């Protein structure tokens, strides 16, 4: 999983867009985790 992400970052165009994509992915992952965690807590 992490190796695929590193390949995407190295192959992708500008580092700026890669950072934006990475931050979006992190935000989505954290939001999804919180939603599932909260649902499981209830």
PDB file of N, CA and C in Angstrom:
ATOM      1  N   UNK A   1       0.849  -1.205   0.000  1.00  0.00           N
ATOM      2  CA  UNK A   1       0.000   0.000   0.000  1.00  0.00           C
ATOM      3  C   UNK A   1       0.875   1.241   0.000  1.00  0.00           C
ATOM      4  N   UNK A   2       1.820   1.317   0.947  1.00  0.00           N
ATOM      5  CA  UNK A   2       2.667   2.505   1.032  1.00  0.00           C
ATOM      6  C   UNK A   2       3.574   2.604  -0.186  1.00  0.00           C
ATOM      7  N   UNK A   3       4.042   1.448  -0.704  1.00  0.00           N
ATOM      8  CA  UNK A   3       4.918   1.485  -1.877  1.00  0.00           C
ATOM      9  C   UNK A   3       4.167   2.013  -3.086  1.00  0.00           C
ATOM     10  N   UNK A   4       2.886   1.660  -3.233  1.00  0.00           N
ATOM     11  CA  UNK A   4       2.076   2.175  -4.343  1.00  0.00           C
ATOM     12  C   UNK A   4       1.951   3.687  -4.220  1.00  0.00           C
ATOM     13  N   UNK A   5       1.729   4.179  -3.007  1.00  0.00           N
ATOM     14  CA  UNK A   5       1.615   5.626  -2.796  1.00  0.00           C
ATOM     15  C   UNK A   5       2.909   6.328  -3.165  1.00  0.00           C
ATOM     16  N   UNK A   6       4.052   5.735  -2.773  1.00  0.00           N
ATOM     17  CA  UNK A   6       5.345   6.349  -3.092  1.00  0.00           C
ATOM     18  C   UNK A   6       5.555   6.366  -4.596  1.00  0.00           C
ATOM     19  N   UNK A   7       5.157   5.299  -5.297  1.00  0.00           N
ATOM     20  CA  UNK A   7       5.298   5.265  -6.753  1.00  0.00           C
ATOM     21  C   UNK A   7       4.452   6.348  -7.392  1.00  0.00           C
ATOM     22  N   UNK A   8       3.245   6.540  -6.913  1.00  0.00           N
ATOM     23  CA  UNK A   8       2.376   7.595  -7.451  1.00  0.00           C
ATOM     24  C   UNK A   8       3.026   8.957  -7.265  1.00  0.00           C
ATOM     25  N   UNK A   9       3.587   9.195  -6.083  1.00  0.00           N
ATOM     26  CA  UNK A   9       4.190  10.500  -5.799  1.00  0.00           C
ATOM     27  C   UNK A   9       5.397  10.730  -6.699  1.00  0.00           C
ATOM     28  N   UNK A  10       6.232   9.700  -6.886  1.00  0.00           N
ATOM     29  CA  UNK A  10       7.448   9.870  -7.689  1.00  0.00           C
ATOM     30  C   UNK A  10       7.098  10.008  -9.166  1.00  0.00           C
ATOM     31  N   UNK A  11       6.073   9.306  -9.633  1.00  0.00           N
ATOM     32  CA  UNK A  11       5.697   9.341 -11.051  1.00  0.00           C
ATOM     33  C   UNK A  11       4.879  10.590 -11.364  1.00  0.00           C
ATOM     34  N   UNK A  12       4.074  11.055 -10.398  1.00  0.00           N
ATOM     35  CA  UNK A  12       3.176  12.191 -10.644  1.00  0.00           C
ATOM     36  C   UNK A  12       3.916  13.447 -11.064  1.00  0.00           C
ATOM     37  N   UNK A  13       3.178  14.412 -11.639  1.00  0.00           N
ATOM     38  CA  UNK A  13       3.791  15.627 -12.191  1.00  0.00           C
ATOM     39  C   UNK A  13       4.471  16.485 -11.143  1.00  0.00           C
ATOM     40  N   UNK A  14       3.810  17.562 -10.694  1.00  0.00           N
ATOM     41  CA  UNK A  14       4.450  18.506  -9.777  1.00  0.00           C
ATOM     42  C   UNK A  14       4.263  18.052  -8.340  1.00  0.00           C
ATOM     43  N   UNK A  15       5.213  18.404  -7.483  1.00  0.00           N
ATOM     44  CA  UNK A  15       5.134  18.019  -6.075  1.00  0.00           C
ATOM     45  C   UNK A  15       3.951  18.707  -5.406  1.00  0.00           C
ATOM     46  N   UNK A  16       3.583  19.908  -5.887  1.00  0.00           N
ATOM     47  CA  UNK A  16       2.462  20.632  -5.292  1.00  0.00           C
ATOM     48  C   UNK A  16       1.170  19.843  -5.406  1.00  0.00           C
ATOM     49  N   UNK A  17       0.871  19.347  -6.612  1.00  0.00           N
ATOM     50  CA  UNK A  17      -0.369  18.594  -6.809  1.00  0.00           C
ATOM     51  C   UNK A  17      -0.328  17.302  -6.012  1.00  0.00           C
ATOM     52  N   UNK A  18       0.856  16.689  -5.913  1.00  0.00           N
ATOM     53  CA  UNK A  18       0.978  15.454  -5.140  1.00  0.00           C
ATOM     54  C   UNK A  18       0.694  15.717  -3.666  1.00  0.00           C
ATOM     55  N   UNK A  19       1.187  16.835  -3.153  1.00  0.00           N
ATOM     56  CA  UNK A  19       0.933  17.168  -1.750  1.00  0.00           C
ATOM     57  C   UNK A  19      -0.553  17.392  -1.528  1.00  0.00           C
ATOM     58  N   UNK A  20      -1.220  18.053  -2.491  1.00  0.00           N
ATOM     59  CA  UNK A  20      -2.660  18.297  -2.367  1.00  0.00           C
ATOM     60  C   UNK A  20      -3.405  16.969  -2.370  1.00  0.00           C
ATOM     61  N   UNK A  21      -3.041  16.069  -3.291  1.00  0.00           N
ATOM     62  CA  UNK A  21      -3.708  14.769  -3.362  1.00  0.00           C
ATOM     63  C   UNK A  21      -3.479  13.980  -2.079  1.00  0.00           C
ATOM     64  N   UNK A  22      -2.264  14.042  -1.549  1.00  0.00           N
ATOM     65  CA  UNK A  22      -1.948  13.302  -0.328  1.00  0.00           C
ATOM     66  C   UNK A  22      -2.754  13.842   0.841  1.00  0.00           C
ATOM     67  N   UNK A  23      -2.847  15.176   0.944  1.00  0.00           N
ATOM     68  CA  UNK A  23      -3.605  15.775   2.045  1.00  0.00           C
ATOM     69  C   UNK A  23      -5.078  15.423   1.916  1.00  0.00           C
ATOM     70  N   UNK A  24      -5.604  15.434   0.681  1.00  0.00           N
ATOM     71  CA  UNK A  24      -7.010  15.049   0.473  1.00  0.00           C
ATOM     72  C   UNK A  24      -7.227  13.614   0.915  1.00  0.00           C
ATOM     73  N   UNK A  25      -6.297  12.718   0.548  1.00  0.00           N
ATOM     74  CA  UNK A  25      -6.430  11.308   0.904  1.00  0.00           C
ATOM     75  C   UNK A  25      -6.383  11.138   2.417  1.00  0.00           C
ATOM     76  N   UNK A  26      -5.465  11.874   3.079  1.00  0.00           N
ATOM     77  CA  UNK A  26      -5.362  11.787   4.536  1.00  0.00           C
ATOM     78  C   UNK A  26      -6.647  12.278   5.189  1.00  0.00           C
ATOM     79  N   UNK A  27      -7.196  13.396   4.697  1.00  0.00           N
ATOM     80  CA  UNK A  27      -8.430  13.947   5.274  1.00  0.00           C
ATOM     81  C   UNK A  27      -9.567  12.950   5.105  1.00  0.00           C
ATOM     82  N   UNK A  28      -9.707  12.390   3.903  1.00  0.00           N
ATOM     83  CA  UNK A  28     -10.788  11.428   3.661  1.00  0.00           C
ATOM     84  C   UNK A  28     -10.618  10.207   4.558  1.00  0.00           C
ATOM     85  N   UNK A  29      -9.383   9.736   4.706  1.00  0.00           N
ATOM     86  CA  UNK A  29      -9.135   8.559   5.542  1.00  0.00           C
ATOM     87  C   UNK A  29      -9.494   8.840   6.993  1.00  0.00           C
ATOM     88  N   UNK A  30      -9.078  10.004   7.498  1.00  0.00           N
ATOM     89  CA  UNK A  30      -9.364  10.357   8.897  1.00  0.00           C
ATOM     90  C   UNK A  30     -10.867  10.515   9.102  1.00  0.00           C
ATOM     91  N   UNK A  31     -11.540  11.187   8.167  1.00  0.00           N
ATOM     92  CA  UNK A  31     -12.992  11.390   8.288  1.00  0.00           C
ATOM     93  C   UNK A  31     -13.700  10.047   8.274  1.00  0.00           C
ATOM     94  N   UNK A  32     -13.335   9.165   7.334  1.00  0.00           N
ATOM     95  CA  UNK A  32     -13.973   7.853   7.259  1.00  0.00           C
ATOM     96  C   UNK A  32     -13.725   7.062   8.537  1.00  0.00           C
ATOM     97  N   UNK A  33     -12.496   7.148   9.077  1.00  0.00           N
ATOM     98  CA  UNK A  33     -12.172   6.408  10.291  1.00  0.00           C
ATOM     99  C   UNK A  33     -13.016   6.912  11.448  1.00  0.00           C
ATOM    100  N   UNK A  34     -13.156   8.240  11.557  1.00  0.00           N
ATOM    101  CA  UNK A  34     -13.957   8.806  12.644  1.00  0.00           C
ATOM    102  C   UNK A  34     -15.409   8.384  12.509  1.00  0.00           C
ATOM    103  N   UNK A  35     -15.932   8.379  11.285  1.00  0.00           N
ATOM    104  CA  UNK A  35     -17.335   8.001  11.065  1.00  0.00           C
ATOM    105  C   UNK A  35     -17.547   6.555  11.491  1.00  0.00           C
ATOM    106  N   UNK A  36     -16.649   5.656  11.064  1.00  0.00           N
ATOM    107  CA  UNK A  36     -16.802   4.249  11.421  1.00  0.00           C
ATOM    108  C   UNK A  36     -16.601   4.055  12.919  1.00  0.00           C
ATOM    109  N   UNK A  37     -15.619   4.753  13.489  1.00  0.00           N
ATOM    110  CA  UNK A  37     -15.323   4.605  14.914  1.00  0.00           C
ATOM    111  C   UNK A  37     -16.516   5.075  15.741  1.00  0.00           C
ATOM    112  N   UNK A  38     -17.095   6.211  15.351  1.00  0.00           N
ATOM    113  CA  UNK A  38     -18.241   6.753  16.076  1.00  0.00           C
ATOM    114  C   UNK A  38     -19.418   5.787  15.952  1.00  0.00           C
ATOM    115  N   UNK A  39     -19.623   5.239  14.751  1.00  0.00           N
ATOM    116  CA  UNK A  39     -20.734   4.311  14.528  1.00  0.00           C
ATOM    117  C   UNK A  39     -20.553   3.066  15.384  1.00  0.00           C
ATOM    118  N   UNK A  40     -19.320   2.579  15.475  1.00  0.00           N
ATOM    119  CA  UNK A  40     -19.056   1.399  16.292  1.00  0.00           C
ATOM    120  C   UNK A  40     -19.235   1.712  17.775  1.00  0.00           C
ATOM    121  N   UNK A  41     -18.907   2.942  18.182  1.00  0.00           N
ATOM    122  CA  UNK A  41     -19.053   3.314  19.590  1.00  0.00           C
ATOM    123  C   UNK A  41     -20.521   3.286  19.992  1.00  0.00           C
ATOM    124  N   UNK A  42     -21.379   3.787  19.089  1.00  0.00           N
ATOM    125  CA  UNK A  42     -22.803   3.805  19.401  1.00  0.00           C
ATOM    126  C   UNK A  42     -23.335   2.378  19.436  1.00  0.00           C
TER     127      UNK A  42
END
